[in-house]
Amino acid sequence: MTARNDLRLLPWSGPEGKPCYLSTDDKGGYMSRLADNLEQASDTLDDQDADPEDLRRLTVELTGTLRDVLRVATSRGHLLEVSEPQRV
């Protein structure tokens, strides 16, 4: 079992607002990179003296991410329409 101080607190909450932790030795893994990117984005947005180029780059990345989320949500919505039983 992993000791609590070996866990990494993630920058998002789980169900019911409870904290989420990551237990991994792979600092370059998908979840670690995702957490790093979210922390970096938050830090950039919180920085009153952020470089305009950093803000532009962040805006481009966030816009692309929102576009991807919309595609997935739309796709899943179509799947739900197809898989829902017909009500009579």
PDB file of N, CA and C in Angstrom:
ATOM      1  N   MET A   1       0.844  -1.190   0.000  1.00  0.00           N
ATOM      2  CA  MET A   1       0.000   0.000   0.000  1.00  0.00           C
ATOM      3  C   MET A   1       0.885   1.248   0.000  1.00  0.00           C
ATOM      4  N   THR A   2       0.462   2.277  -0.701  1.00  0.00           N
ATOM      5  CA  THR A   2       1.222   3.514  -0.809  1.00  0.00           C
ATOM      6  C   THR A   2       0.949   4.394   0.400  1.00  0.00           C
ATOM      7  N   ALA A   3       2.029   4.953   0.968  1.00  0.00           N
ATOM      8  CA  ALA A   3       1.869   5.883   2.082  1.00  0.00           C
ATOM      9  C   ALA A   3       1.196   7.157   1.586  1.00  0.00           C
ATOM     10  N   ARG A   4       0.391   7.777   2.428  1.00  0.00           N
ATOM     11  CA  ARG A   4      -0.367   8.971   2.023  1.00  0.00           C
ATOM     12  C   ARG A   4       0.553  10.093   1.538  1.00  0.00           C
ATOM     13  N   ASN A   5       1.765  10.211   2.111  1.00  0.00           N
ATOM     14  CA  ASN A   5       2.657  11.295   1.677  1.00  0.00           C
ATOM     15  C   ASN A   5       3.318  10.986   0.332  1.00  0.00           C
ATOM     16  N   ASP A   6       3.138   9.760  -0.199  1.00  0.00           N
ATOM     17  CA  ASP A   6       3.641   9.420  -1.525  1.00  0.00           C
ATOM     18  C   ASP A   6       2.615   9.710  -2.614  1.00  0.00           C
ATOM     19  N   LEU A   7       1.423  10.093  -2.206  1.00  0.00           N
ATOM     20  CA  LEU A   7       0.365  10.380  -3.167  1.00  0.00           C
ATOM     21  C   LEU A   7       0.435  11.833  -3.613  1.00  0.00           C
ATOM     22  N   ARG A   8       0.069  12.065  -4.857  1.00  0.00           N
ATOM     23  CA  ARG A   8       0.045  13.423  -5.390  1.00  0.00           C
ATOM     24  C   ARG A   8      -1.399  13.910  -5.406  1.00  0.00           C
ATOM     25  N   LEU A   9      -1.643  15.045  -4.778  1.00  0.00           N
ATOM     26  CA  LEU A   9      -2.964  15.655  -4.804  1.00  0.00           C
ATOM     27  C   LEU A   9      -3.186  16.239  -6.201  1.00  0.00           C
ATOM     28  N   LEU A  10      -4.262  15.828  -6.837  1.00  0.00           N
ATOM     29  CA  LEU A  10      -4.558  16.305  -8.181  1.00  0.00           C
ATOM     30  C   LEU A  10      -5.349  17.613  -8.121  1.00  0.00           C
ATOM     31  N   PRO A  11      -5.268  18.417  -9.188  1.00  0.00           N
ATOM     32  CA  PRO A  11      -5.918  19.737  -9.173  1.00  0.00           C
ATOM     33  C   PRO A  11      -7.406  19.700  -9.502  1.00  0.00           C
ATOM     34  N   TRP A  12      -8.064  18.576  -9.294  1.00  0.00           N
ATOM     35  CA  TRP A  12      -9.507  18.486  -9.481  1.00  0.00           C
ATOM     36  C   TRP A  12     -10.090  17.629  -8.383  1.00  0.00           C
ATOM     37  N   SER A  13     -11.382  17.714  -8.216  1.00  0.00           N
ATOM     38  CA  SER A  13     -12.075  16.962  -7.176  1.00  0.00           C
ATOM     39  C   SER A  13     -12.792  15.769  -7.787  1.00  0.00           C
ATOM     40  N   GLY A  14     -13.023  14.793  -6.949  1.00  0.00           N
ATOM     41  CA  GLY A  14     -13.769  13.620  -7.368  1.00  0.00           C
ATOM     42  C   GLY A  14     -15.239  13.770  -7.018  1.00  0.00           C
ATOM     43  N   PRO A  15     -15.944  12.640  -7.044  1.00  0.00           N
ATOM     44  CA  PRO A  15     -17.360  12.678  -6.680  1.00  0.00           C
ATOM     45  C   PRO A  15     -17.551  13.272  -5.284  1.00  0.00           C
ATOM     46  N   GLU A  16     -18.606  13.998  -5.130  1.00  0.00           N
ATOM     47  CA  GLU A  16     -18.958  14.623  -3.858  1.00  0.00           C
ATOM     48  C   GLU A  16     -17.914  15.640  -3.393  1.00  0.00           C
ATOM     49  N   GLY A  17     -17.092  16.156  -4.313  1.00  0.00           N
ATOM     50  CA  GLY A  17     -16.113  17.176  -3.976  1.00  0.00           C
ATOM     51  C   GLY A  17     -14.906  16.689  -3.204  1.00  0.00           C
ATOM     52  N   LYS A  18     -14.742  15.370  -3.120  1.00  0.00           N
ATOM     53  CA  LYS A  18     -13.613  14.818  -2.373  1.00  0.00           C
ATOM     54  C   LYS A  18     -12.323  14.966  -3.187  1.00  0.00           C
ATOM     55  N   PRO A  19     -11.177  15.147  -2.505  1.00  0.00           N
ATOM     56  CA  PRO A  19      -9.914  15.291  -3.223  1.00  0.00           C
ATOM     57  C   PRO A  19      -9.544  14.014  -3.971  1.00  0.00           C
ATOM     58  N   CYS A  20      -8.835  14.185  -5.081  1.00  0.00           N
ATOM     59  CA  CYS A  20      -8.335  13.056  -5.867  1.00  0.00           C
ATOM     60  C   CYS A  20      -6.818  12.996  -5.712  1.00  0.00           C
ATOM     61  N   TYR A  21      -6.300  11.796  -5.598  1.00  0.00           N
ATOM     62  CA  TYR A  21      -4.867  11.577  -5.449  1.00  0.00           C
ATOM     63  C   TYR A  21      -4.382  10.633  -6.531  1.00  0.00           C
ATOM     64  N   LEU A  22      -3.123  10.785  -6.913  1.00  0.00           N
ATOM     65  CA  LEU A  22      -2.493   9.929  -7.908  1.00  0.00           C
ATOM     66  C   LEU A  22      -1.322   9.216  -7.266  1.00  0.00           C
ATOM     67  N   SER A  23      -1.299   7.911  -7.426  1.00  0.00           N
ATOM     68  CA  SER A  23      -0.196   7.102  -6.934  1.00  0.00           C
ATOM     69  C   SER A  23       0.520   6.505  -8.133  1.00  0.00           C
ATOM     70  N   THR A  24       1.708   7.011  -8.452  1.00  0.00           N
ATOM     71  CA  THR A  24       2.466   6.495  -9.584  1.00  0.00           C
ATOM     72  C   THR A  24       3.933   6.882  -9.454  1.00  0.00           C
ATOM     73  N   ASP A  25       4.785   6.026  -9.980  1.00  0.00           N
ATOM     74  CA  ASP A  25       6.207   6.346 -10.050  1.00  0.00           C
ATOM     75  C   ASP A  25       6.554   6.973 -11.398  1.00  0.00           C
ATOM     76  N   ASP A  26       5.595   6.966 -12.317  1.00  0.00           N
ATOM     77  CA  ASP A  26       5.812   7.468 -13.667  1.00  0.00           C
ATOM     78  C   ASP A  26       5.415   8.933 -13.747  1.00  0.00           C
ATOM     79  N   LYS A  27       6.362   9.820 -13.508  1.00  0.00           N
ATOM     80  CA  LYS A  27       6.068  11.257 -13.529  1.00  0.00           C
ATOM     81  C   LYS A  27       5.755  11.756 -14.942  1.00  0.00           C
ATOM     82  N   GLY A  28       6.063  10.952 -15.957  1.00  0.00           N
ATOM     83  CA  GLY A  28       5.758  11.326 -17.335  1.00  0.00           C
ATOM     84  C   GLY A  28       4.518  10.638 -17.861  1.00  0.00           C
ATOM     85  N   GLY A  29       3.777   9.971 -16.984  1.00  0.00           N
ATOM     86  CA  GLY A  29       2.567   9.270 -17.393  1.00  0.00           C
ATOM     87  C   GLY A  29       1.452  10.225 -17.757  1.00  0.00           C
ATOM     88  N   TYR A  30       0.408   9.685 -18.375  1.00  0.00           N
ATOM     89  CA  TYR A  30      -0.695  10.497 -18.869  1.00  0.00           C
ATOM     90  C   TYR A  30      -1.330  11.336 -17.762  1.00  0.00           C
ATOM     91  N   MET A  31      -1.681  10.718 -16.647  1.00  0.00           N
ATOM     92  CA  MET A  31      -2.353  11.444 -15.572  1.00  0.00           C
ATOM     93  C   MET A  31      -1.434  12.499 -14.952  1.00  0.00           C
ATOM     94  N   SER A  32      -0.156  12.175 -14.803  1.00  0.00           N
ATOM     95  CA  SER A  32       0.794  13.155 -14.262  1.00  0.00           C
ATOM     96  C   SER A  32       0.918  14.361 -15.190  1.00  0.00           C
ATOM     97  N   ARG A  33       1.011  14.100 -16.493  1.00  0.00           N
ATOM     98  CA  ARG A  33       1.114  15.198 -17.466  1.00  0.00           C
ATOM     99  C   ARG A  33      -0.160  16.028 -17.477  1.00  0.00           C
ATOM    100  N   LEU A  34      -1.314  15.358 -17.396  1.00  0.00           N
ATOM    101  CA  LEU A  34      -2.585  16.073 -17.367  1.00  0.00           C
ATOM    102  C   LEU A  34      -2.653  17.004 -16.154  1.00  0.00           C
ATOM    103  N   ALA A  35      -2.269  16.487 -14.999  1.00  0.00           N
ATOM    104  CA  ALA A  35      -2.270  17.307 -13.779  1.00  0.00           C
ATOM    105  C   ALA A  35      -1.286  18.466 -13.910  1.00  0.00           C
ATOM    106  N   ASP A  36      -0.103  18.204 -14.446  1.00  0.00           N
ATOM    107  CA  ASP A  36       0.897  19.267 -14.637  1.00  0.00           C
ATOM    108  C   ASP A  36       0.360  20.361 -15.548  1.00  0.00           C
ATOM    109  N   ASN A  37      -0.282  19.957 -16.648  1.00  0.00           N
ATOM    110  CA  ASN A  37      -0.821  20.938 -17.591  1.00  0.00           C
ATOM    111  C   ASN A  37      -1.917  21.782 -16.960  1.00  0.00           C
ATOM    112  N   LEU A  38      -2.784  21.155 -16.176  1.00  0.00           N
ATOM    113  CA  LEU A  38      -3.850  21.907 -15.503  1.00  0.00           C
ATOM    114  C   LEU A  38      -3.274  22.889 -14.491  1.00  0.00           C
ATOM    115  N   GLU A  39      -2.281  22.454 -13.748  1.00  0.00           N
ATOM    116  CA  GLU A  39      -1.650  23.352 -12.776  1.00  0.00           C
ATOM    117  C   GLU A  39      -0.972  24.516 -13.469  1.00  0.00           C
ATOM    118  N   GLN A  40      -0.284  24.226 -14.579  1.00  0.00           N
ATOM    119  CA  GLN A  40       0.400  25.289 -15.316  1.00  0.00           C
ATOM    120  C   GLN A  40      -0.609  26.285 -15.888  1.00  0.00           C
ATOM    121  N   ALA A  41      -1.723  25.791 -16.426  1.00  0.00           N
ATOM    122  CA  ALA A  41      -2.761  26.681 -16.965  1.00  0.00           C
ATOM    123  C   ALA A  41      -3.326  27.564 -15.858  1.00  0.00           C
ATOM    124  N   SER A  42      -3.595  26.975 -14.708  1.00  0.00           N
ATOM    125  CA  SER A  42      -4.127  27.758 -13.587  1.00  0.00           C
ATOM    126  C   SER A  42      -3.128  28.812 -13.131  1.00  0.00           C
ATOM    127  N   ASP A  43      -1.859  28.434 -13.043  1.00  0.00           N
ATOM    128  CA  ASP A  43      -0.826  29.387 -12.632  1.00  0.00           C
ATOM    129  C   ASP A  43      -0.734  30.551 -13.621  1.00  0.00           C
ATOM    130  N   THR A  44      -0.804  30.246 -14.917  1.00  0.00           N
ATOM    131  CA  THR A  44      -0.720  31.289 -15.933  1.00  0.00           C
ATOM    132  C   THR A  44      -1.900  32.246 -15.821  1.00  0.00           C
ATOM    133  N   LEU A  45      -3.101  31.690 -15.616  1.00  0.00           N
ATOM    134  CA  LEU A  45      -4.288  32.545 -15.492  1.00  0.00           C
ATOM    135  C   LEU A  45      -4.264  33.388 -14.225  1.00  0.00           C
ATOM    136  N   ASP A  46      -3.660  32.861 -13.162  1.00  0.00           N
ATOM    137  CA  ASP A  46      -3.582  33.597 -11.899  1.00  0.00           C
ATOM    138  C   ASP A  46      -2.505  34.680 -11.896  1.00  0.00           C
ATOM    139  N   ASP A  47      -1.553  34.587 -12.828  1.00  0.00           N
ATOM    140  CA  ASP A  47      -0.418  35.508 -12.868  1.00  0.00           C
ATOM    141  C   ASP A  47      -0.832  36.827 -13.529  1.00  0.00           C
ATOM    142  N   GLN A  48      -0.913  37.896 -12.729  1.00  0.00           N
ATOM    143  CA  GLN A  48      -1.303  39.204 -13.247  1.00  0.00           C
ATOM    144  C   GLN A  48      -0.296  39.755 -14.258  1.00  0.00           C
ATOM    145  N   ASP A  49       0.951  39.276 -14.176  1.00  0.00           N
ATOM    146  CA  ASP A  49       2.001  39.754 -15.074  1.00  0.00           C
ATOM    147  C   ASP A  49       2.339  38.727 -16.153  1.00  0.00           C
ATOM    148  N   ALA A  50       1.404  37.827 -16.465  1.00  0.00           N
ATOM    149  CA  ALA A  50       1.665  36.789 -17.456  1.00  0.00           C
ATOM    150  C   ALA A  50       1.996  37.418 -18.806  1.00  0.00           C
ATOM    151  N   ASP A  51       2.923  36.803 -19.488  1.00  0.00           N
ATOM    152  CA  ASP A  51       3.341  37.246 -20.814  1.00  0.00           C
ATOM    153  C   ASP A  51       2.174  37.069 -21.797  1.00  0.00           C
ATOM    154  N   PRO A  52       1.898  38.081 -22.613  1.00  0.00           N
ATOM    155  CA  PRO A  52       0.792  37.959 -23.581  1.00  0.00           C
ATOM    156  C   PRO A  52       0.929  36.736 -24.498  1.00  0.00           C
ATOM    157  N   GLU A  53       2.149  36.375 -24.848  1.00  0.00           N
ATOM    158  CA  GLU A  53       2.352  35.191 -25.701  1.00  0.00           C
ATOM    159  C   GLU A  53       1.956  33.914 -24.963  1.00  0.00           C
ATOM    160  N   ASP A  54       2.257  33.833 -23.658  1.00  0.00           N
ATOM    161  CA  ASP A  54       1.839  32.677 -22.860  1.00  0.00           C
ATOM    162  C   ASP A  54       0.318  32.601 -22.774  1.00  0.00           C
ATOM    163  N   LEU A  55      -0.329  33.747 -22.602  1.00  0.00           N
ATOM    164  CA  LEU A  55      -1.792  33.776 -22.550  1.00  0.00           C
ATOM    165  C   LEU A  55      -2.400  33.385 -23.898  1.00  0.00           C
ATOM    166  N   ARG A  56      -1.800  33.845 -24.986  1.00  0.00           N
ATOM    167  CA  ARG A  56      -2.280  33.476 -26.321  1.00  0.00           C
ATOM    168  C   ARG A  56      -2.152  31.968 -26.529  1.00  0.00           C
ATOM    169  N   ARG A  57      -1.000  31.411 -26.162  1.00  0.00           N
ATOM    170  CA  ARG A  57      -0.767  29.977 -26.312  1.00  0.00           C
ATOM    171  C   ARG A  57      -1.763  29.170 -25.477  1.00  0.00           C
ATOM    172  N   LEU A  58      -2.010  29.624 -24.255  1.00  0.00           N
ATOM    173  CA  LEU A  58      -2.970  28.955 -23.381  1.00  0.00           C
ATOM    174  C   LEU A  58      -4.373  29.032 -23.974  1.00  0.00           C
ATOM    175  N   THR A  59      -4.734  30.179 -24.522  1.00  0.00           N
ATOM    176  CA  THR A  59      -6.050  30.342 -25.135  1.00  0.00           C
ATOM    177  C   THR A  59      -6.228  29.406 -26.322  1.00  0.00           C
ATOM    178  N   VAL A  60      -5.199  29.271 -27.133  1.00  0.00           N
ATOM    179  CA  VAL A  60      -5.253  28.350 -28.272  1.00  0.00           C
ATOM    180  C   VAL A  60      -5.435  26.911 -27.785  1.00  0.00           C
ATOM    181  N   GLU A  61      -4.678  26.513 -26.767  1.00  0.00           N
ATOM    182  CA  GLU A  61      -4.786  25.152 -26.232  1.00  0.00           C
ATOM    183  C   GLU A  61      -6.153  24.899 -25.615  1.00  0.00           C
ATOM    184  N   LEU A  62      -6.660  25.864 -24.839  1.00  0.00           N
ATOM    185  CA  LEU A  62      -7.971  25.699 -24.212  1.00  0.00           C
ATOM    186  C   LEU A  62      -9.090  25.643 -25.255  1.00  0.00           C
ATOM    187  N   THR A  63      -8.981  26.445 -26.290  1.00  0.00           N
ATOM    188  CA  THR A  63      -9.974  26.431 -27.359  1.00  0.00           C
ATOM    189  C   THR A  63      -9.976  25.078 -28.062  1.00  0.00           C
ATOM    190  N   GLY A  64      -8.798  24.545 -28.338  1.00  0.00           N
ATOM    191  CA  GLY A  64      -8.704  23.224 -28.963  1.00  0.00           C
ATOM    192  C   GLY A  64      -9.280  22.138 -28.077  1.00  0.00           C
ATOM    193  N   THR A  65      -9.029  22.244 -26.779  1.00  0.00           N
ATOM    194  CA  THR A  65      -9.560  21.262 -25.836  1.00  0.00           C
ATOM    195  C   THR A  65     -11.077  21.337 -25.780  1.00  0.00           C
ATOM    196  N   LEU A  66     -11.625  22.539 -25.734  1.00  0.00           N
ATOM    197  CA  LEU A  66     -13.084  22.691 -25.732  1.00  0.00           C
ATOM    198  C   LEU A  66     -13.697  22.134 -27.012  1.00  0.00           C
ATOM    199  N   ARG A  67     -13.017  22.331 -28.135  1.00  0.00           N
ATOM    200  CA  ARG A  67     -13.491  21.795 -29.408  1.00  0.00           C
ATOM    201  C   ARG A  67     -13.542  20.262 -29.343  1.00  0.00           C
ATOM    202  N   ASP A  68     -12.504  19.648 -28.761  1.00  0.00           N
ATOM    203  CA  ASP A  68     -12.470  18.189 -28.617  1.00  0.00           C
ATOM    204  C   ASP A  68     -13.574  17.694 -27.695  1.00  0.00           C
ATOM    205  N   VAL A  69     -13.789  18.409 -26.594  1.00  0.00           N
ATOM    206  CA  VAL A  69     -14.840  18.019 -25.648  1.00  0.00           C
ATOM    207  C   VAL A  69     -16.205  18.088 -26.328  1.00  0.00           C
ATOM    208  N   LEU A  70     -16.433  19.122 -27.108  1.00  0.00           N
ATOM    209  CA  LEU A  70     -17.698  19.251 -27.823  1.00  0.00           C
ATOM    210  C   LEU A  70     -17.891  18.099 -28.812  1.00  0.00           C
ATOM    211  N   ARG A  71     -16.833  17.728 -29.522  1.00  0.00           N
ATOM    212  CA  ARG A  71     -16.917  16.603 -30.463  1.00  0.00           C
ATOM    213  C   ARG A  71     -17.292  15.317 -29.746  1.00  0.00           C
ATOM    214  N   VAL A  72     -16.641  15.052 -28.602  1.00  0.00           N
ATOM    215  CA  VAL A  72     -16.926  13.833 -27.846  1.00  0.00           C
ATOM    216  C   VAL A  72     -18.362  13.870 -27.313  1.00  0.00           C
ATOM    217  N   ALA A  73     -18.770  15.004 -26.760  1.00  0.00           N
ATOM    218  CA  ALA A  73     -20.123  15.121 -26.208  1.00  0.00           C
ATOM    219  C   ALA A  73     -21.167  14.940 -27.310  1.00  0.00           C
ATOM    220  N   THR A  74     -20.943  15.525 -28.456  1.00  0.00           N
ATOM    221  CA  THR A  74     -21.868  15.378 -29.582  1.00  0.00           C
ATOM    222  C   THR A  74     -21.930  13.927 -30.033  1.00  0.00           C
ATOM    223  N   SER A  75     -20.782  13.294 -30.139  1.00  0.00           N
ATOM    224  CA  SER A  75     -20.718  11.896 -30.542  1.00  0.00           C
ATOM    225  C   SER A  75     -21.450  11.002 -29.547  1.00  0.00           C
ATOM    226  N   ARG A  76     -21.218  11.223 -28.277  1.00  0.00           N
ATOM    227  CA  ARG A  76     -21.892  10.416 -27.253  1.00  0.00           C
ATOM    228  C   ARG A  76     -23.381  10.689 -27.239  1.00  0.00           C
ATOM    229  N   GLY A  77     -23.765  11.919 -27.516  1.00  0.00           N
ATOM    230  CA  GLY A  77     -25.183  12.234 -27.602  1.00  0.00           C
ATOM    231  C   GLY A  77     -25.858  11.457 -28.719  1.00  0.00           C
ATOM    232  N   HIS A  78     -25.168  11.354 -29.868  1.00  0.00           N
ATOM    233  CA  HIS A  78     -25.707  10.567 -30.976  1.00  0.00           C
ATOM    234  C   HIS A  78     -25.786   9.094 -30.607  1.00  0.00           C
ATOM    235  N   LEU A  79     -24.792   8.601 -29.891  1.00  0.00           N
ATOM    236  CA  LEU A  79     -24.818   7.203 -29.459  1.00  0.00           C
ATOM    237  C   LEU A  79     -25.984   6.949 -28.513  1.00  0.00           C
ATOM    238  N   LEU A  80     -26.248   7.891 -27.609  1.00  0.00           N
ATOM    239  CA  LEU A  80     -27.362   7.733 -26.679  1.00  0.00           C
ATOM    240  C   LEU A  80     -28.688   7.702 -27.431  1.00  0.00           C
ATOM    241  N   GLU A  81     -28.817   8.552 -28.451  1.00  0.00           N
ATOM    242  CA  GLU A  81     -30.049   8.575 -29.230  1.00  0.00           C
ATOM    243  C   GLU A  81     -30.285   7.230 -29.893  1.00  0.00           C
ATOM    244  N   VAL A  82     -29.221   6.611 -30.410  1.00  0.00           N
ATOM    245  CA  VAL A  82     -29.330   5.336 -31.101  1.00  0.00           C
ATOM    246  C   VAL A  82     -29.593   4.202 -30.118  1.00  0.00           C
ATOM    247  N   SER A  83     -28.972   4.252 -28.934  1.00  0.00           N
ATOM    248  CA  SER A  83     -29.057   3.127 -28.008  1.00  0.00           C
ATOM    249  C   SER A  83     -30.260   3.168 -27.064  1.00  0.00           C
ATOM    250  N   GLU A  84     -30.938   4.303 -26.976  1.00  0.00           N
ATOM    251  CA  GLU A  84     -32.096   4.390 -26.079  1.00  0.00           C
ATOM    252  C   GLU A  84     -33.257   3.602 -26.664  1.00  0.00           C
ATOM    253  N   PRO A  85     -33.917   2.798 -25.840  1.00  0.00           N
ATOM    254  CA  PRO A  85     -35.070   2.056 -26.345  1.00  0.00           C
ATOM    255  C   PRO A  85     -36.222   3.000 -26.687  1.00  0.00           C
ATOM    256  N   GLN A  86     -36.975   2.610 -27.684  1.00  0.00           N
ATOM    257  CA  GLN A  86     -38.115   3.425 -28.105  1.00  0.00           C
ATOM    258  C   GLN A  86     -39.240   3.297 -27.087  1.00  0.00           C
ATOM    259  N   ARG A  87     -39.829   4.418 -26.693  1.00  0.00           N
ATOM    260  CA  ARG A  87     -40.959   4.408 -25.775  1.00  0.00           C
ATOM    261  C   ARG A  87     -42.253   4.440 -26.576  1.00  0.00           C
ATOM    262  N   VAL A  88     -43.152   3.645 -26.131  1.00  0.00           N
ATOM    263  CA  VAL A  88     -44.439   3.584 -26.837  1.00  0.00           C
ATOM    264  C   VAL A  88     -45.521   4.160 -25.990  1.00  0.00           C
TER     265      VAL A  88
END
